[in-house]
């Protein structure tokens, strides 16, 4: 596990560790449903691929609790 950094311990120009957040199809659909954006590209793989995308997708602003967990 990487040591947690706080703002007072970070120097200007310092390289920070990467932050990754995995999304599941359930998370994408829940967000799309909650934001009233039920475009089928969010949850139907074939429709997304037919439109030239590599997979289903999530979009929109990220929830504050997502960043709080980083």
Protein backbone atom coordinates (compact mmCIF):
# COMPACT_ATOMS: atom_id res chain seq x y z
CA UNK A 1 0.00 0.00 0.00
CA UNK A 2 1.25 3.47 -0.87
CA UNK A 3 1.82 5.92 1.96
CA UNK A 4 -0.98 8.48 2.17
CA UNK A 5 0.07 12.02 1.27
CA UNK A 6 -1.36 15.20 2.74
CA UNK A 7 -1.19 18.68 1.23
CA UNK A 8 1.44 19.92 3.69
CA UNK A 9 3.71 16.99 2.78
CA UNK A 10 3.67 17.56 -0.98
CA UNK A 11 6.18 19.75 -2.79
CA UNK A 12 5.50 21.69 -6.00
CA UNK A 13 6.54 19.53 -8.95
CA UNK A 14 6.55 16.32 -6.90
CA UNK A 15 5.30 13.27 -8.77
CA UNK A 16 2.19 11.82 -7.15
CA UNK A 17 1.10 8.18 -7.16
CA UNK A 18 -1.58 7.21 -9.67
CA UNK A 19 -5.17 6.92 -8.48
CA UNK A 20 -7.35 4.29 -10.12
CA UNK A 21 -11.04 3.64 -9.63
CA UNK A 22 -12.69 0.64 -11.24
CA UNK A 23 -16.25 1.00 -12.46
CA UNK A 24 -18.65 -1.88 -12.81
CA UNK A 25 -21.60 -2.01 -15.18
CA UNK A 26 -23.84 -1.75 -12.12
CA UNK A 27 -22.11 1.50 -11.06
CA UNK A 28 -22.41 2.97 -14.56
CA UNK A 29 -26.10 2.08 -14.87
CA UNK A 30 -26.89 3.34 -11.36
CA UNK A 31 -25.24 6.69 -12.14
CA UNK A 32 -26.93 6.94 -15.55
CA UNK A 33 -30.30 6.15 -14.00
CA UNK A 34 -29.79 8.68 -11.20
CA UNK A 35 -28.81 11.40 -13.66
CA UNK A 36 -31.72 10.57 -16.01
CA UNK A 37 -29.32 9.66 -18.83
CA UNK A 38 -30.44 6.21 -19.91
CA UNK A 39 -28.78 6.21 -23.34
CA UNK A 40 -28.33 2.55 -24.28
CA UNK A 41 -24.58 3.03 -24.79
CA UNK A 42 -24.24 3.09 -21.00
CA UNK A 43 -25.44 -0.49 -20.54
CA UNK A 44 -25.78 -2.32 -23.90
CA UNK A 45 -22.39 -3.55 -25.09
CA UNK A 46 -23.48 -4.26 -28.68
CA UNK A 47 -25.06 -0.81 -29.11
CA UNK A 48 -21.90 0.86 -27.79
CA UNK A 49 -19.64 -1.16 -30.11
CA UNK A 50 -21.94 -0.53 -33.10
CA UNK A 51 -21.42 3.19 -32.48
CA UNK A 52 -17.64 2.78 -32.64
CA UNK A 53 -16.93 2.62 -28.91
CA UNK A 54 -14.80 -0.09 -27.35
CA UNK A 55 -17.23 -0.83 -24.50
CA UNK A 56 -20.15 0.60 -22.51
CA UNK A 57 -19.32 3.92 -20.89
CA UNK A 58 -20.01 6.13 -17.93
CA UNK A 59 -19.96 9.90 -18.14
CA UNK A 60 -20.84 13.01 -16.23
CA UNK A 61 -19.36 14.62 -13.16
CA UNK A 62 -17.90 12.24 -10.63
CA UNK A 63 -19.60 12.03 -7.29
CA UNK A 64 -17.82 13.75 -4.38
CA UNK A 65 -17.60 10.47 -2.45
CA UNK A 66 -15.56 8.95 -5.29
CA UNK A 67 -12.82 11.54 -4.72
CA UNK A 68 -13.13 11.27 -0.94
CA UNK A 69 -12.10 7.60 -1.19
CA UNK A 70 -8.90 8.41 -3.08
